[in-house]
Every structure is written in structure tokens, then in C-alpha cells.
Protein backbone atom coordinates (compact mmCIF):
# COMPACT_ATOMS: atom_id res chain seq x y z
CA UNK A 1 8.70 38.45 147.74
CA UNK A 2 8.15 35.87 145.02
CA UNK A 3 4.76 35.08 146.49
CA UNK A 4 3.80 38.78 146.40
CA UNK A 5 4.85 39.08 142.73
CA UNK A 6 2.92 35.94 141.88
CA UNK A 7 -0.10 37.32 143.68
CA UNK A 8 0.06 40.63 141.80
CA UNK A 9 0.43 38.83 138.47
CA UNK A 10 -2.51 36.58 139.28
CA UNK A 11 -4.61 39.58 140.29
CA UNK A 12 -3.76 41.45 137.09
CA UNK A 13 -4.49 38.32 135.03
CA UNK A 14 -7.92 38.01 136.64
CA UNK A 15 -8.70 41.65 135.80
CA UNK A 16 -7.54 41.25 132.17
CA UNK A 17 -9.53 38.05 131.72
CA UNK A 18 -12.57 39.70 133.25
CA UNK A 19 -12.33 42.67 130.89
CA UNK A 20 -11.84 40.37 127.90
CA UNK A 21 -14.80 38.22 128.83
CA UNK A 22 -16.99 41.28 129.38
CA UNK A 23 -16.11 42.53 125.90
CA UNK A 24 -16.79 39.18 124.31
CA UNK A 25 -20.14 38.61 125.96
CA UNK A 26 -21.26 42.23 125.95
CA UNK A 27 -24.61 42.27 124.15
CA UNK A 28 -25.02 44.34 121.02
CA UNK A 29 -26.97 47.51 121.17
CA UNK A 30 -30.63 46.68 120.89
CA UNK A 31 -31.80 46.92 117.29
CA UNK A 32 -34.43 49.54 116.55
CA UNK A 33 -37.52 48.88 114.48
CA UNK A 34 -37.67 51.23 111.50
CA UNK A 35 -41.11 51.63 109.94
CA UNK A 36 -41.65 52.54 106.31
CA UNK A 37 -44.57 53.25 103.98
CA UNK A 38 -43.60 51.92 100.56
CA UNK A 39 -44.88 51.94 97.01
CA UNK A 40 -44.87 48.70 94.99
CA UNK A 41 -42.33 47.08 92.71
CA UNK A 42 -39.65 46.24 95.28
CA UNK A 43 -41.38 43.90 97.72
CA UNK A 44 -38.89 41.05 97.25
CA UNK A 45 -35.94 43.40 97.59
CA UNK A 46 -37.24 44.80 100.88
CA UNK A 47 -37.94 41.32 102.25
CA UNK A 48 -34.65 39.76 101.11
CA UNK A 49 -33.26 37.78 104.09
CA UNK A 50 -29.64 38.66 103.28
CA UNK A 51 -30.43 42.36 103.18
CA UNK A 52 -32.43 42.14 106.41
CA UNK A 53 -29.48 40.38 108.05
CA UNK A 54 -27.09 43.12 106.93
CA UNK A 55 -29.44 45.78 108.28
CA UNK A 56 -29.67 44.00 111.63
CA UNK A 57 -26.06 42.91 112.07
CA UNK A 58 -24.27 46.01 110.75
CA UNK A 59 -26.76 48.79 111.44
CA UNK A 60 -28.95 47.52 114.32
CA UNK A 61 -32.06 47.98 112.18
CA UNK A 62 -35.12 45.76 112.12
CA UNK A 63 -37.13 46.75 109.06
CA UNK A 64 -40.92 46.80 108.99
CA UNK A 65 -42.92 48.09 106.02
CA UNK A 66 -46.52 48.68 104.99
CA UNK A 67 -47.62 48.76 101.37
CA UNK A 68 -49.10 52.00 100.05
CA UNK A 69 -50.04 53.28 96.62
CA UNK A 70 -48.08 56.27 95.38
CA UNK A 71 -51.29 58.30 95.09
CA UNK A 72 -52.14 57.71 98.74
CA UNK A 73 -48.63 58.63 99.80
CA UNK A 74 -49.05 62.14 98.43
CA UNK A 75 -52.68 62.66 99.49
CA UNK A 76 -53.32 60.91 102.81
CA UNK A 77 -51.63 61.36 106.20
CA UNK A 78 -48.56 59.11 106.19
CA UNK A 79 -49.27 57.21 109.39
CA UNK A 80 -50.10 53.68 110.49
CA UNK A 81 -53.60 52.46 111.38
CA UNK A 82 -52.66 53.11 115.00
CA UNK A 83 -51.93 56.76 114.08
CA UNK A 84 -48.22 56.24 114.57
CA UNK A 85 -45.81 58.04 112.26
CA UNK A 86 -43.53 56.32 109.78
CA UNK A 87 -39.77 56.73 109.81
CA UNK A 88 -39.55 56.91 106.02
CA UNK A 89 -41.53 56.74 102.80
CA UNK A 90 -40.28 54.86 99.74
CA UNK A 91 -41.93 55.94 96.48
CA UNK A 92 -41.83 53.68 93.43
CA UNK A 93 -42.10 56.53 90.94
CA UNK A 94 -40.03 59.70 90.82
CA UNK A 95 -42.97 61.89 89.77
CA UNK A 96 -44.66 61.34 93.16
CA UNK A 97 -41.37 61.85 95.01
CA UNK A 98 -40.82 65.21 93.31
CA UNK A 99 -44.45 66.16 93.84
CA UNK A 100 -44.23 65.45 97.58
CA UNK A 101 -41.51 68.07 97.87
CA UNK A 102 -44.05 70.76 97.02
CA UNK A 103 -46.59 72.21 99.47
CA UNK A 104 -49.80 70.21 99.79
CA UNK A 105 -52.90 71.46 98.00
CA UNK A 106 -56.36 71.73 99.53
CA UNK A 107 -57.37 68.03 99.41
CA UNK A 108 -54.00 66.65 100.56
CA UNK A 109 -52.54 66.00 103.99
CA UNK A 110 -49.80 68.39 105.18
CA UNK A 111 -46.30 67.39 104.14
CA UNK A 112 -43.98 65.89 106.75
CA UNK A 113 -40.59 67.46 107.31
CA UNK A 114 -37.98 65.54 105.32
CA UNK A 115 -34.59 64.91 106.90
CA UNK A 116 -32.91 63.12 104.01
CA UNK A 117 -33.94 62.02 100.53
CA UNK A 118 -32.34 60.00 97.74
CA UNK A 119 -33.03 58.20 94.50
CA UNK A 120 -32.07 54.69 95.58
CA UNK A 121 -33.09 52.12 92.95
CA UNK A 122 -33.52 52.67 89.22
CA UNK A 123 -34.32 50.64 86.13
CA UNK A 124 -34.83 51.79 82.54
CA UNK A 125 -37.80 51.07 80.29
CA UNK A 126 -36.90 48.45 77.67
CA UNK A 127 -38.70 46.53 74.94
CA UNK A 128 -38.57 42.74 75.12
CA UNK A 129 -38.77 40.87 71.82
CA UNK A 130 -37.46 37.72 70.15
CA UNK A 131 -34.46 36.78 68.01
CA UNK A 132 -36.13 36.54 64.59
CA UNK A 133 -38.14 39.74 65.12
CA UNK A 134 -35.01 41.57 66.20
CA UNK A 135 -33.18 40.36 63.09
CA UNK A 136 -35.94 41.72 60.87
CA UNK A 137 -35.93 45.07 62.67
CA UNK A 138 -32.18 45.27 62.13
CA UNK A 139 -32.70 44.59 58.42
CA UNK A 140 -35.22 47.43 58.31
CA UNK A 141 -32.84 49.87 59.99
CA UNK A 142 -34.96 50.18 63.12
CA UNK A 143 -32.66 48.29 65.51
CA UNK A 144 -28.89 48.41 65.67
CA UNK A 145 -26.56 46.10 67.57
CA UNK A 146 -23.70 47.93 69.26
CA UNK A 147 -21.25 45.50 70.84
CA UNK A 148 -23.65 43.06 72.56
CA UNK A 149 -26.52 45.50 73.11
CA UNK A 150 -29.55 46.03 70.87
CA UNK A 151 -30.85 49.61 70.52
CA UNK A 152 -34.04 50.83 68.87
CA UNK A 153 -32.37 53.65 66.95
CA UNK A 154 -35.52 54.71 65.08
CA UNK A 155 -38.35 54.88 67.59
CA UNK A 156 -40.45 57.17 65.31
CA UNK A 157 -40.40 54.39 62.70
CA UNK A 158 -41.74 51.90 65.26
CA UNK A 159 -44.51 54.31 66.24
CA UNK A 160 -45.29 54.86 62.56
CA UNK A 161 -45.67 51.10 62.04
CA UNK A 162 -48.24 50.99 64.82
CA UNK A 163 -50.08 54.16 63.83
CA UNK A 164 -50.36 53.04 60.20
CA UNK A 165 -51.57 49.51 61.04
CA UNK A 166 -48.50 47.96 59.44
CA UNK A 167 -48.55 44.17 59.48
CA UNK A 168 -45.66 42.04 60.65
CA UNK A 169 -45.59 40.47 57.22
CA UNK A 170 -45.04 43.94 55.70
CA UNK A 171 -41.60 44.11 57.32
CA UNK A 172 -40.63 40.56 56.37
CA UNK A 173 -41.92 38.58 59.38
CA UNK A 174 -44.16 35.97 57.77
CA UNK A 175 -44.76 33.68 60.76
CA UNK A 176 -46.56 36.23 62.94
CA UNK A 177 -50.16 37.11 62.22
CA UNK A 178 -51.65 40.56 62.58
CA UNK A 179 -50.53 44.14 62.98
CA UNK A 180 -47.37 45.41 64.62
CA UNK A 181 -47.86 46.38 68.22
CA UNK A 182 -45.91 46.72 71.45
CA UNK A 183 -47.90 45.41 74.40
CA UNK A 184 -47.74 47.41 77.60
CA UNK A 185 -49.55 47.59 80.89
CA UNK A 186 -52.45 50.02 80.97
CA UNK A 187 -51.13 53.57 81.48
CA UNK A 188 -54.38 54.52 83.21
CA UNK A 189 -53.85 52.03 86.04
CA UNK A 190 -50.20 50.94 85.97
CA UNK A 191 -47.01 52.88 86.66
CA UNK A 192 -44.90 51.13 83.94
CA UNK A 193 -47.60 51.87 81.37
CA UNK A 194 -47.78 55.51 82.46
CA UNK A 195 -43.99 55.85 82.25
CA UNK A 196 -44.04 54.33 78.76
CA UNK A 197 -46.71 56.74 77.55
CA UNK A 198 -44.70 59.61 78.97
CA UNK A 199 -41.78 58.41 76.84
CA UNK A 200 -44.08 58.18 73.81
CA UNK A 201 -45.25 61.74 74.40
CA UNK A 202 -41.64 62.96 74.43
CA UNK A 203 -40.79 61.07 71.24
CA UNK A 204 -43.93 62.27 69.46
CA UNK A 205 -43.07 65.84 70.39
CA UNK A 206 -39.44 65.41 69.28
CA UNK A 207 -38.19 66.33 72.72
CA UNK A 208 -39.35 67.34 76.16
CA UNK A 209 -43.04 67.70 76.94
CA UNK A 210 -44.40 70.33 79.33
CA UNK A 211 -47.53 72.39 79.97
CA UNK A 212 -46.94 74.47 76.86
CA UNK A 213 -47.15 71.61 74.37
CA UNK A 214 -48.79 68.57 75.99
CA UNK A 215 -52.17 69.37 74.43
CA UNK A 216 -50.59 69.06 70.97
CA UNK A 217 -49.53 65.49 71.72
CA UNK A 218 -52.65 64.17 73.47
CA UNK A 219 -54.67 63.40 70.28
CA UNK A 220 -51.85 61.22 68.95
CA UNK A 221 -51.48 59.46 72.28
CA UNK A 222 -55.20 58.75 72.40
CA UNK A 223 -55.14 57.26 68.89
CA UNK A 224 -52.11 55.16 69.85
CA UNK A 225 -53.92 53.97 72.97
CA UNK A 226 -56.94 52.88 70.94
CA UNK A 227 -54.74 50.85 68.60
CA UNK A 228 -53.08 49.04 71.50
CA UNK A 229 -56.09 46.86 72.36
CA UNK A 230 -56.37 44.88 75.59
CA UNK A 231 -53.80 45.74 78.26
CA UNK A 232 -52.70 44.03 81.46
CA UNK A 233 -52.78 45.96 84.70
CA UNK A 234 -49.83 44.16 86.30
CA UNK A 235 -46.31 44.23 84.81
CA UNK A 236 -45.45 40.84 86.33
CA UNK A 237 -48.42 39.28 84.54
CA UNK A 238 -47.44 40.83 81.20
CA UNK A 239 -43.84 39.65 81.46
CA UNK A 240 -45.01 36.17 82.45
CA UNK A 241 -47.35 36.00 79.45
CA UNK A 242 -44.57 37.17 77.14
CA UNK A 243 -42.32 34.33 78.29
CA UNK A 244 -45.01 31.66 78.44
CA UNK A 245 -46.88 32.37 75.19
CA UNK A 246 -43.95 33.38 73.03
CA UNK A 247 -43.51 35.56 69.99
CA UNK A 248 -46.76 34.63 68.27
CA UNK A 249 -48.91 36.09 71.06
CA UNK A 250 -46.45 38.66 72.40
CA UNK A 251 -43.93 39.71 69.73
CA UNK A 252 -42.90 42.83 71.67
CA UNK A 253 -43.69 44.14 75.13
CA UNK A 254 -42.65 47.14 77.24
CA UNK A 255 -41.29 46.44 80.71
CA UNK A 256 -38.38 47.24 83.00
CA UNK A 257 -34.81 46.02 82.50
CA UNK A 258 -34.84 44.54 86.01
CA UNK A 259 -37.53 42.00 85.10
CA UNK A 260 -35.24 39.71 83.12
CA UNK A 261 -32.54 39.74 85.84
CA UNK A 262 -35.11 38.97 88.52
CA UNK A 263 -36.53 36.16 86.38
CA UNK A 264 -33.10 34.63 85.64
CA UNK A 265 -32.31 34.47 89.36
CA UNK A 266 -35.66 33.16 90.54
CA UNK A 267 -36.33 30.74 87.68
CA UNK A 268 -32.96 29.61 86.26
CA UNK A 269 -34.45 26.57 84.51
CA UNK A 270 -37.07 28.69 82.76
CA UNK A 271 -34.50 31.30 81.85
CA UNK A 272 -32.18 28.72 80.30
CA UNK A 273 -35.00 27.67 77.98
CA UNK A 274 -35.53 31.16 76.56
CA UNK A 275 -32.22 33.00 77.04
CA UNK A 276 -31.01 32.43 73.49
CA UNK A 277 -34.30 33.64 71.98
CA UNK A 278 -35.13 36.65 74.14
CA UNK A 279 -33.91 40.03 72.94
CA UNK A 280 -33.70 43.15 75.11
CA UNK A 281 -34.12 46.28 73.00
CA UNK A 282 -33.17 49.65 74.49
CA UNK A 283 -35.24 52.51 73.07
CA UNK A 284 -33.18 55.49 71.98
CA UNK A 285 -34.07 57.44 74.01
CA UNK A 286 -35.47 55.48 76.93
CA UNK A 287 -36.62 56.74 80.33
CA UNK A 288 -36.07 55.71 83.93
CA UNK A 289 -38.29 54.30 86.62
CA UNK A 290 -36.77 55.31 89.96
CA UNK A 291 -37.60 54.31 93.52
CA UNK A 292 -37.00 57.30 95.80
CA UNK A 293 -36.85 57.49 99.59
CA UNK A 294 -37.47 60.21 102.17
CA UNK A 295 -36.74 59.97 105.90
CA UNK A 296 -38.82 61.74 108.54
CA UNK A 297 -36.92 60.59 111.66
CA UNK A 298 -33.33 59.89 112.68
CA UNK A 299 -34.08 56.16 112.54
CA UNK A 300 -35.40 56.62 109.02
CA UNK A 301 -32.22 58.46 108.07
CA UNK A 302 -30.17 55.55 109.43
CA UNK A 303 -32.05 53.26 107.05
CA UNK A 304 -31.51 55.62 104.10
CA UNK A 305 -27.79 55.64 104.86
CA UNK A 306 -27.71 51.84 105.24
CA UNK A 307 -29.12 51.39 101.73
CA UNK A 308 -25.81 52.77 100.41
CA UNK A 309 -24.01 49.75 101.89
CA UNK A 310 -21.96 48.08 99.10
CA UNK A 311 -23.26 44.63 100.02
CA UNK A 312 -26.89 45.79 99.81
CA UNK A 313 -26.27 47.54 96.49
CA UNK A 314 -24.58 44.43 95.13
CA UNK A 315 -27.65 42.33 96.00
CA UNK A 316 -29.97 44.99 94.55
CA UNK A 317 -28.25 44.71 91.18
CA UNK A 318 -27.19 41.07 90.91
CA UNK A 319 -30.37 39.55 92.34
CA UNK A 320 -33.12 42.05 91.54
CA UNK A 321 -31.75 44.08 88.62
CA UNK A 322 -31.95 47.51 90.26
CA UNK A 323 -29.24 49.92 89.18
CA UNK A 324 -27.82 51.88 92.10
CA UNK A 325 -25.43 54.69 92.82
CA UNK A 326 -24.13 57.25 90.33
CA UNK A 327 -24.25 57.12 86.52
CA UNK A 328 -22.48 53.98 85.35
CA UNK A 329 -22.86 52.56 88.84
CA UNK A 330 -20.61 50.42 90.98
CA UNK A 331 -22.42 47.37 89.61
CA UNK A 332 -20.84 45.10 87.02
CA UNK A 333 -23.06 44.06 84.12
CA UNK A 334 -20.94 40.93 83.75
CA UNK A 335 -22.10 39.78 87.19
CA UNK A 336 -25.62 38.99 85.94
CA UNK A 337 -26.40 36.04 83.65
CA UNK A 338 -27.87 38.25 80.90
CA UNK A 339 -26.03 39.16 77.72
CA UNK A 340 -26.48 42.54 76.10
CA UNK A 341 -27.07 44.73 79.17
CA UNK A 342 -25.06 47.95 78.82
CA UNK A 343 -22.98 49.28 81.70
CA UNK A 344 -24.46 52.75 81.17
CA UNK A 345 -27.73 54.07 79.75
CA UNK A 346 -26.41 56.89 77.59
CA UNK A 347 -29.63 58.04 75.92
CA UNK A 348 -32.55 58.81 78.20
CA UNK A 349 -35.22 61.47 78.38
CA UNK A 350 -36.22 62.99 81.69
CA UNK A 351 -39.50 61.81 83.17
CA UNK A 352 -42.42 64.21 83.01
CA UNK A 353 -43.92 66.14 85.89
CA UNK A 354 -46.85 64.57 87.70
CA UNK A 355 -49.29 67.15 86.31
CA UNK A 356 -48.34 66.16 82.74
CA UNK A 357 -48.80 62.48 83.49
CA UNK A 358 -52.16 63.32 85.06
CA UNK A 359 -53.25 65.04 81.85
CA UNK A 360 -52.19 62.01 79.80
CA UNK A 361 -54.08 59.61 82.07
CA UNK A 362 -57.22 61.77 82.04
CA UNK A 363 -57.15 62.02 78.26
CA UNK A 364 -56.79 58.24 77.89
CA UNK A 365 -59.63 57.61 80.34
CA UNK A 366 -61.94 59.56 78.05
């Protein structure tokens, strides 16, 4: 009898061990390749090895992307060179994302059916300047420091300086030669520049700009554009020049908030050299640049859902400076090595419709 019991126990043990081993060595579900057509401005984020590992290990996703311009994404068939369809499209500007939701016009490819869409990554327009310039602007009532954050509380005054050819010396800055200006990328060719000029249009019109009043603002925008002089086409180049050449060559520039966070993480030695001199000024109001995604397949929807992963959102903010989630966000401004970044952007004007931006660009071209 004892031998029978021992035999049964041994048999059961073998079965249990076999089941346990099969669970341990059972291969994971095969990861699927998810293809996306993406606009610029987030290449490093999309290629981040930690994010790719999270996508693979937690969601069985291997990500593959092709770079597209936003204009092509709304005009051309969204397909690979091999005529294969994409699983998702990732715009780098909300105006194109909103435009894609409308029916295609005569010279555009038919719209693909969207399964899920979200605004995923956002960053506000800011003005980068320097400590002594900021101090002078505070003295002139143009900038105000609230807690650790600097706000341009009188944007019309800044625009008036530029429009009236005011010199830096006229507002008490004796060590900078020339007229007051805020350098930006070219709005005709660059998304940050276009977004900035949309903000200018709203400020010049004392509120929101639409089809009914844009023509009233265009002459002022054109004059402002003429006064701005040479412009870079690439925001990364402009930000690099600002940091390398200093306040004499670039007293103030327009760029995205994310740029300084990205720079601090990728070039800590360089950041340590300038961190006490750089000033981030938040226009009141400012406007957002948002990266928006649409899925066309179930695999694409899986990727959209995965982007809400807390670990991915944490990396997006702390490493690349993209704000995520709802207003106020789950991100912690104290987790980045930059002082003066507010937890919330409380004063912002809505971006303009694509047709309004198109009118601004066409007017500036001429």
C-alpha cells in the first residue's frame, strides 16, 4: 500500500513539475510590428530604447515608423512605398490633425477610417532670454515673476517695441546693440514659426482670430515679419545658436518649452554652464504645440493605448519635456532639472484653424 501511495505522489509531482516548467518556458506571444507615419519633432522620443522596450515587453509591440511632413499626411495616400497601409498616423501639429477629420477636397487622397484618436504630447510656446534682459523687462513692467516662473504679462508692449524699432538701450539694456527683436523660425517653412505667428495674430486682434477678422490682422503681421530679418528654418538650429552665441546675438528667441528639458538631459555639462543665465518667459497668453495620433487598425489602436502607460508618459516628460495627460498632468515639474517651469499653463489661446494659418503663410510669402 505504501508503495502505491508513493507511486501516486510521484506521479502527481511529475505532473505538477511538468505544468510549472511549461508555464515558465512558455514563449511570449509573438510581438506584432506596428507601422506609423509620423510628423517631425519627436524622433528621439519614438526611438527611445526604454520606451521601445516597454512597448515590446508589456504590449508585444515592435514599433516601426516612417517620417512624413504634415502637409503630405493630409494630401497624399497614407501608405508605404510598397503600397501597404499604416497602422497609425502621428501628426506634429494639431491644425493638421483637426483638418484630417474633415472630408478630403478635390486634390487630396480619401480619408482613412479612424478607430481611435488622441492628443498625446504637448508643449507650449515660450520665449527664451537671459538674466539681465529679464531683469530689465521686469523693471519696465513687461515681465513679472510669480513664484519661480517668469511671465510676459504685457505682450502688446513687447510687440510695440518691435513695431516701433525700439532699441535695447531705450529700455535700459546698454550692452546689447541694435533694435529689440524676438528671433523665431520662419513661419513660412517651419511649424514653430507658424504657431508663433498664429499667437501674434490672436494678440494683435485682442482675442481669437477667424475668417471674419483675419484680413484685418494680416497687414500688421506682414510688417512684423519684415522687421524680423533673417530666420532659421529649423528650431533645433535656432535654439543651438541661442545657447552658443549668447545674449548679444540672440537676446530673445521663440521656441518650445520642451527644448530646454531635452537639452539639459542630453547635454548636462553644457546646461550647467548656462542654467543660471537662461530665462524661460511664458507669454500671457501662450499657445500649444500638440502631437496628435490617429489609429487605422487594431494594432494601431494598441499602440495608441500603450502611449498612456505611466512609464512611457514619465519618460516623455522627464527626458523629452513633453507634457502628457490631462490639464496639470501626472508629471511633476520638480522631476526635471529646470527651475521656473509651472505645473500648469493657465493662460493659453486656442490654436487657429488650418485655413487661417494658410492665409497667414500666403500673406507672408508675398
